[in-house]
């Protein structure tokens, strides 16, 4: 399993992005498995919520369905 960590001062969390997850799902919240949960599906249907790193992102970052983009 690859681990990614932005260097200090280079995370979008500093401008308001946040992570979401399913209670009781543990570390699987931070895998692509999260995208198959009812919680993720509900967030995706809202339309005004955007994922920072979708599967086709231009940053080359792995798919992060838990990372919600603010701006």
PDB file of N, CA and C in Angstrom:
ATOM      1  N   UNK A   1       0.847  -1.182   0.000  1.00  0.00           N
ATOM      2  CA  UNK A   1       0.000   0.000   0.000  1.00  0.00           C
ATOM      3  C   UNK A   1       0.889   1.241   0.000  1.00  0.00           C
ATOM      4  N   UNK A   2       0.649   2.121  -0.927  1.00  0.00           N
ATOM      5  CA  UNK A   2       1.414   3.366  -1.003  1.00  0.00           C
ATOM      6  C   UNK A   2       0.899   4.362   0.019  1.00  0.00           C
ATOM      7  N   UNK A   3       1.789   5.109   0.603  1.00  0.00           N
ATOM      8  CA  UNK A   3       1.420   6.152   1.559  1.00  0.00           C
ATOM      9  C   UNK A   3       1.863   7.488   0.985  1.00  0.00           C
ATOM     10  N   UNK A   4       0.972   8.459   0.984  1.00  0.00           N
ATOM     11  CA  UNK A   4       1.278   9.785   0.461  1.00  0.00           C
ATOM     12  C   UNK A   4       1.130  10.796   1.580  1.00  0.00           C
ATOM     13  N   UNK A   5       2.039  11.731   1.649  1.00  0.00           N
ATOM     14  CA  UNK A   5       1.977  12.779   2.646  1.00  0.00           C
ATOM     15  C   UNK A   5       2.542  14.043   2.029  1.00  0.00           C
ATOM     16  N   UNK A   6       1.733  15.084   1.989  1.00  0.00           N
ATOM     17  CA  UNK A   6       2.204  16.362   1.451  1.00  0.00           C
ATOM     18  C   UNK A   6       3.176  16.985   2.445  1.00  0.00           C
ATOM     19  N   UNK A   7       4.225  17.614   1.935  1.00  0.00           N
ATOM     20  CA  UNK A   7       5.153  18.300   2.844  1.00  0.00           C
ATOM     21  C   UNK A   7       4.435  19.445   3.569  1.00  0.00           C
ATOM     22  N   UNK A   8       4.907  19.842   4.738  1.00  0.00           N
ATOM     23  CA  UNK A   8       4.286  20.949   5.470  1.00  0.00           C
ATOM     24  C   UNK A   8       4.076  22.175   4.575  1.00  0.00           C
ATOM     25  N   UNK A   9       2.898  22.751   4.639  1.00  0.00           N
ATOM     26  CA  UNK A   9       2.586  23.935   3.856  1.00  0.00           C
ATOM     27  C   UNK A   9       2.127  23.660   2.439  1.00  0.00           C
ATOM     28  N   UNK A  10       2.039  22.385   2.037  1.00  0.00           N
ATOM     29  CA  UNK A  10       1.668  22.034   0.670  1.00  0.00           C
ATOM     30  C   UNK A  10       0.406  21.184   0.576  1.00  0.00           C
ATOM     31  N   UNK A  11      -0.407  21.201   1.617  1.00  0.00           N
ATOM     32  CA  UNK A  11      -1.641  20.430   1.616  1.00  0.00           C
ATOM     33  C   UNK A  11      -2.823  21.361   1.395  1.00  0.00           C
ATOM     34  N   UNK A  12      -3.789  20.902   0.644  1.00  0.00           N
ATOM     35  CA  UNK A  12      -5.005  21.692   0.448  1.00  0.00           C
ATOM     36  C   UNK A  12      -5.841  21.754   1.722  1.00  0.00           C
ATOM     37  N   UNK A  13      -5.516  20.937   2.712  1.00  0.00           N
ATOM     38  CA  UNK A  13      -6.239  21.014   3.986  1.00  0.00           C
ATOM     39  C   UNK A  13      -6.009  22.374   4.641  1.00  0.00           C
ATOM     40  N   UNK A  14      -4.901  23.014   4.330  1.00  0.00           N
ATOM     41  CA  UNK A  14      -4.595  24.328   4.881  1.00  0.00           C
ATOM     42  C   UNK A  14      -5.509  25.429   4.367  1.00  0.00           C
ATOM     43  N   UNK A  15      -6.220  25.177   3.255  1.00  0.00           N
ATOM     44  CA  UNK A  15      -7.140  26.183   2.718  1.00  0.00           C
ATOM     45  C   UNK A  15      -8.598  25.774   2.899  1.00  0.00           C
ATOM     46  N   UNK A  16      -8.828  24.713   3.645  1.00  0.00           N
ATOM     47  CA  UNK A  16     -10.198  24.343   3.961  1.00  0.00           C
ATOM     48  C   UNK A  16     -10.656  22.973   3.510  1.00  0.00           C
ATOM     49  N   UNK A  17      -9.898  22.271   2.650  1.00  0.00           N
ATOM     50  CA  UNK A  17     -10.293  20.919   2.267  1.00  0.00           C
ATOM     51  C   UNK A  17     -10.412  20.063   3.525  1.00  0.00           C
ATOM     52  N   UNK A  18     -11.222  19.022   3.458  1.00  0.00           N
ATOM     53  CA  UNK A  18     -11.381  18.139   4.611  1.00  0.00           C
ATOM     54  C   UNK A  18     -11.597  16.704   4.145  1.00  0.00           C
ATOM     55  N   UNK A  19     -11.389  15.778   5.050  1.00  0.00           N
ATOM     56  CA  UNK A  19     -11.579  14.361   4.776  1.00  0.00           C
ATOM     57  C   UNK A  19     -12.882  13.898   5.407  1.00  0.00           C
ATOM     58  N   UNK A  20     -13.540  12.950   4.733  1.00  0.00           N
ATOM     59  CA  UNK A  20     -14.764  12.363   5.257  1.00  0.00           C
ATOM     60  C   UNK A  20     -14.567  10.856   5.382  1.00  0.00           C
ATOM     61  N   UNK A  21     -15.432  10.211   6.118  1.00  0.00           N
ATOM     62  CA  UNK A  21     -15.333   8.771   6.259  1.00  0.00           C
ATOM     63  C   UNK A  21     -16.595   8.195   6.862  1.00  0.00           C
ATOM     64  N   UNK A  22     -16.624   6.885   6.905  1.00  0.00           N
ATOM     65  CA  UNK A  22     -17.742   6.132   7.457  1.00  0.00           C
ATOM     66  C   UNK A  22     -17.362   5.660   8.859  1.00  0.00           C
ATOM     67  N   UNK A  23     -18.212   5.909   9.823  1.00  0.00           N
ATOM     68  CA  UNK A  23     -17.957   5.472  11.194  1.00  0.00           C
ATOM     69  C   UNK A  23     -17.806   3.955  11.212  1.00  0.00           C
ATOM     70  N   UNK A  24     -16.747   3.495  11.857  1.00  0.00           N
ATOM     71  CA  UNK A  24     -16.498   2.074  11.987  1.00  0.00           C
ATOM     72  C   UNK A  24     -15.782   1.444  10.805  1.00  0.00           C
ATOM     73  N   UNK A  25     -15.459   2.224   9.786  1.00  0.00           N
ATOM     74  CA  UNK A  25     -14.820   1.696   8.578  1.00  0.00           C
ATOM     75  C   UNK A  25     -13.292   1.690   8.705  1.00  0.00           C
ATOM     76  N   UNK A  26     -12.782   2.385   9.699  1.00  0.00           N
ATOM     77  CA  UNK A  26     -11.354   2.388   9.993  1.00  0.00           C
ATOM     78  C   UNK A  26     -10.483   2.861   8.848  1.00  0.00           C
ATOM     79  N   UNK A  27      -9.349   2.200   8.674  1.00  0.00           N
ATOM     80  CA  UNK A  27      -8.373   2.591   7.654  1.00  0.00           C
ATOM     81  C   UNK A  27      -8.914   2.461   6.235  1.00  0.00           C
ATOM     82  N   UNK A  28      -9.970   1.667   6.049  1.00  0.00           N
ATOM     83  CA  UNK A  28     -10.548   1.521   4.702  1.00  0.00           C
ATOM     84  C   UNK A  28     -11.158   2.831   4.214  1.00  0.00           C
ATOM     85  N   UNK A  29     -11.416   3.783   5.143  1.00  0.00           N
ATOM     86  CA  UNK A  29     -11.893   5.101   4.726  1.00  0.00           C
ATOM     87  C   UNK A  29     -10.889   5.784   3.813  1.00  0.00           C
ATOM     88  N   UNK A  30      -9.646   5.409   3.923  1.00  0.00           N
ATOM     89  CA  UNK A  30      -8.584   6.053   3.151  1.00  0.00           C
ATOM     90  C   UNK A  30      -8.079   5.153   2.032  1.00  0.00           C
ATOM     91  N   UNK A  31      -9.008   4.404   1.441  1.00  0.00           N
ATOM     92  CA  UNK A  31      -8.728   3.570   0.279  1.00  0.00           C
ATOM     93  C   UNK A  31      -9.846   3.789  -0.735  1.00  0.00           C
ATOM     94  N   UNK A  32      -9.670   3.255  -1.925  1.00  0.00           N
ATOM     95  CA  UNK A  32     -10.712   3.351  -2.951  1.00  0.00           C
ATOM     96  C   UNK A  32     -11.987   2.629  -2.512  1.00  0.00           C
ATOM     97  N   UNK A  33     -11.889   1.716  -1.541  1.00  0.00           N
ATOM     98  CA  UNK A  33     -13.074   1.014  -1.029  1.00  0.00           C
ATOM     99  C   UNK A  33     -14.123   1.991  -0.518  1.00  0.00           C
ATOM    100  N   UNK A  34     -13.679   3.126   0.010  1.00  0.00           N
ATOM    101  CA  UNK A  34     -14.621   4.110   0.531  1.00  0.00           C
ATOM    102  C   UNK A  34     -15.609   4.562  -0.544  1.00  0.00           C
ATOM    103  N   UNK A  35     -15.187   4.584  -1.804  1.00  0.00           N
ATOM    104  CA  UNK A  35     -16.062   5.052  -2.882  1.00  0.00           C
ATOM    105  C   UNK A  35     -17.232   4.111  -3.139  1.00  0.00           C
ATOM    106  N   UNK A  36     -17.211   2.937  -2.537  1.00  0.00           N
ATOM    107  CA  UNK A  36     -18.305   1.978  -2.695  1.00  0.00           C
ATOM    108  C   UNK A  36     -19.277   1.993  -1.513  1.00  0.00           C
ATOM    109  N   UNK A  37     -19.098   2.936  -0.588  1.00  0.00           N
ATOM    110  CA  UNK A  37     -19.987   3.010   0.571  1.00  0.00           C
ATOM    111  C   UNK A  37     -21.200   3.896   0.271  1.00  0.00           C
ATOM    112  N   UNK A  38     -22.257   3.677   1.034  1.00  0.00           N
ATOM    113  CA  UNK A  38     -23.458   4.515   0.897  1.00  0.00           C
ATOM    114  C   UNK A  38     -23.149   5.964   1.246  1.00  0.00           C
ATOM    115  N   UNK A  39     -22.240   6.175   2.194  1.00  0.00           N
ATOM    116  CA  UNK A  39     -21.870   7.535   2.591  1.00  0.00           C
ATOM    117  C   UNK A  39     -21.233   8.294   1.425  1.00  0.00           C
ATOM    118  N   UNK A  40     -20.333   7.651   0.733  1.00  0.00           N
ATOM    119  CA  UNK A  40     -19.694   8.286  -0.426  1.00  0.00           C
ATOM    120  C   UNK A  40     -20.727   8.554  -1.519  1.00  0.00           C
ATOM    121  N   UNK A  41     -21.573   7.576  -1.789  1.00  0.00           N
ATOM    122  CA  UNK A  41     -22.576   7.729  -2.845  1.00  0.00           C
ATOM    123  C   UNK A  41     -23.500   8.911  -2.550  1.00  0.00           C
ATOM    124  N   UNK A  42     -23.855   9.100  -1.300  1.00  0.00           N
ATOM    125  CA  UNK A  42     -24.715  10.229  -0.939  1.00  0.00           C
ATOM    126  C   UNK A  42     -24.000  11.551  -1.170  1.00  0.00           C
ATOM    127  N   UNK A  43     -22.759  11.636  -0.735  1.00  0.00           N
ATOM    128  CA  UNK A  43     -21.967  12.859  -0.947  1.00  0.00           C
ATOM    129  C   UNK A  43     -21.830  13.146  -2.449  1.00  0.00           C
ATOM    130  N   UNK A  44     -21.575  12.123  -3.251  1.00  0.00           N
ATOM    131  CA  UNK A  44     -21.404  12.298  -4.697  1.00  0.00           C
ATOM    132  C   UNK A  44     -22.686  12.817  -5.344  1.00  0.00           C
ATOM    133  N   UNK A  45     -23.827  12.372  -4.855  1.00  0.00           N
ATOM    134  CA  UNK A  45     -25.118  12.804  -5.419  1.00  0.00           C
ATOM    135  C   UNK A  45     -25.457  14.247  -5.092  1.00  0.00           C
ATOM    136  N   UNK A  46     -24.858  14.809  -4.058  1.00  0.00           N
ATOM    137  CA  UNK A  46     -25.174  16.183  -3.676  1.00  0.00           C
ATOM    138  C   UNK A  46     -24.838  17.187  -4.768  1.00  0.00           C
ATOM    139  N   UNK A  47     -23.833  16.882  -5.567  1.00  0.00           N
ATOM    140  CA  UNK A  47     -23.507  17.733  -6.699  1.00  0.00           C
ATOM    141  C   UNK A  47     -22.640  18.937  -6.388  1.00  0.00           C
ATOM    142  N   UNK A  48     -22.810  19.554  -5.247  1.00  0.00           N
ATOM    143  CA  UNK A  48     -22.013  20.727  -4.930  1.00  0.00           C
ATOM    144  C   UNK A  48     -20.738  20.363  -4.176  1.00  0.00           C
ATOM    145  N   UNK A  49     -20.573  19.111  -3.861  1.00  0.00           N
ATOM    146  CA  UNK A  49     -19.363  18.633  -3.200  1.00  0.00           C
ATOM    147  C   UNK A  49     -18.450  18.066  -4.270  1.00  0.00           C
ATOM    148  N   UNK A  50     -17.185  18.419  -4.213  1.00  0.00           N
ATOM    149  CA  UNK A  50     -16.235  17.983  -5.236  1.00  0.00           C
ATOM    150  C   UNK A  50     -15.064  17.260  -4.583  1.00  0.00           C
ATOM    151  N   UNK A  51     -14.589  16.230  -5.225  1.00  0.00           N
ATOM    152  CA  UNK A  51     -13.444  15.466  -4.733  1.00  0.00           C
ATOM    153  C   UNK A  51     -12.168  16.103  -5.292  1.00  0.00           C
ATOM    154  N   UNK A  52     -11.195  16.343  -4.442  1.00  0.00           N
ATOM    155  CA  UNK A  52      -9.942  16.981  -4.869  1.00  0.00           C
ATOM    156  C   UNK A  52      -9.176  16.103  -5.861  1.00  0.00           C
ATOM    157  N   UNK A  53      -9.125  14.798  -5.613  1.00  0.00           N
ATOM    158  CA  UNK A  53      -8.324  13.905  -6.451  1.00  0.00           C
ATOM    159  C   UNK A  53      -9.169  12.774  -7.037  1.00  0.00           C
ATOM    160  N   UNK A  54      -9.950  13.070  -8.106  1.00  0.00           N
ATOM    161  CA  UNK A  54     -10.705  12.002  -8.767  1.00  0.00           C
ATOM    162  C   UNK A  54      -9.739  11.075  -9.519  1.00  0.00           C
ATOM    163  N   UNK A  55     -10.256  10.038 -10.105  1.00  0.00           N
ATOM    164  CA  UNK A  55      -9.393   9.065 -10.783  1.00  0.00           C
ATOM    165  C   UNK A  55      -8.584   9.682 -11.922  1.00  0.00           C
ATOM    166  N   UNK A  56      -9.097  10.710 -12.553  1.00  0.00           N
ATOM    167  CA  UNK A  56      -8.426  11.318 -13.700  1.00  0.00           C
ATOM    168  C   UNK A  56      -7.780  12.671 -13.377  1.00  0.00           C
ATOM    169  N   UNK A  57      -7.360  12.881 -12.117  1.00  0.00           N
ATOM    170  CA  UNK A  57      -6.821  14.187 -11.739  1.00  0.00           C
ATOM    171  C   UNK A  57      -5.492  14.475 -12.427  1.00  0.00           C
ATOM    172  N   UNK A  58      -5.235  15.748 -12.679  1.00  0.00           N
ATOM    173  CA  UNK A  58      -4.037  16.180 -13.398  1.00  0.00           C
ATOM    174  C   UNK A  58      -2.790  16.226 -12.524  1.00  0.00           C
ATOM    175  N   UNK A  59      -2.963  16.036 -11.212  1.00  0.00           N
ATOM    176  CA  UNK A  59      -1.832  16.084 -10.296  1.00  0.00           C
ATOM    177  C   UNK A  59      -1.061  14.771 -10.256  1.00  0.00           C
ATOM    178  N   UNK A  60      -1.658  13.693 -10.774  1.00  0.00           N
ATOM    179  CA  UNK A  60      -1.024  12.389 -10.707  1.00  0.00           C
ATOM    180  C   UNK A  60      -1.135  11.749  -9.326  1.00  0.00           C
ATOM    181  N   UNK A  61      -2.040  12.280  -8.496  1.00  0.00           N
ATOM    182  CA  UNK A  61      -2.248  11.742  -7.145  1.00  0.00           C
ATOM    183  C   UNK A  61      -3.245  10.594  -7.244  1.00  0.00           C
ATOM    184  N   UNK A  62      -3.059   9.575  -6.418  1.00  0.00           N
ATOM    185  CA  UNK A  62      -3.992   8.451  -6.422  1.00  0.00           C
ATOM    186  C   UNK A  62      -5.413   8.938  -6.132  1.00  0.00           C
ATOM    187  N   UNK A  63      -6.390   8.168  -6.532  1.00  0.00           N
ATOM    188  CA  UNK A  63      -7.807   8.454  -6.293  1.00  0.00           C
ATOM    189  C   UNK A  63      -8.041   8.550  -4.791  1.00  0.00           C
ATOM    190  N   UNK A  64      -8.561   9.689  -4.333  1.00  0.00           N
ATOM    191  CA  UNK A  64      -8.831   9.915  -2.909  1.00  0.00           C
ATOM    192  C   UNK A  64     -10.285  10.339  -2.739  1.00  0.00           C
ATOM    193  N   UNK A  65     -11.222   9.381  -2.729  1.00  0.00           N
ATOM    194  CA  UNK A  65     -12.633   9.745  -2.632  1.00  0.00           C
ATOM    195  C   UNK A  65     -13.014  10.388  -1.298  1.00  0.00           C
ATOM    196  N   UNK A  66     -12.173  10.298  -0.320  1.00  0.00           N
ATOM    197  CA  UNK A  66     -12.444  10.861   1.014  1.00  0.00           C
ATOM    198  C   UNK A  66     -12.038  12.320   1.128  1.00  0.00           C
ATOM    199  N   UNK A  67     -11.249  12.845   0.174  1.00  0.00           N
ATOM    200  CA  UNK A  67     -10.689  14.198   0.255  1.00  0.00           C
ATOM    201  C   UNK A  67     -11.619  15.163  -0.474  1.00  0.00           C
ATOM    202  N   UNK A  68     -12.333  15.972   0.293  1.00  0.00           N
ATOM    203  CA  UNK A  68     -13.320  16.906  -0.261  1.00  0.00           C
ATOM    204  C   UNK A  68     -12.689  18.280  -0.486  1.00  0.00           C
ATOM    205  N   UNK A  69     -12.918  18.795  -1.690  1.00  0.00           N
ATOM    206  CA  UNK A  69     -12.356  20.078  -2.121  1.00  0.00           C
ATOM    207  C   UNK A  69     -13.304  21.212  -1.755  1.00  0.00           C
ATOM    208  N   UNK A  70     -12.749  22.279  -1.204  1.00  0.00           N
ATOM    209  CA  UNK A  70     -13.530  23.458  -0.863  1.00  0.00           C
ATOM    210  C   UNK A  70     -13.458  24.510  -1.964  1.00  0.00           C
ATOM    211  N   UNK A  71     -12.254  24.856  -2.388  1.00  0.00           N
ATOM    212  CA  UNK A  71     -12.101  25.921  -3.395  1.00  0.00           C
ATOM    213  C   UNK A  71     -11.435  25.409  -4.639  1.00  0.00           C
TER     214      UNK A  71
END
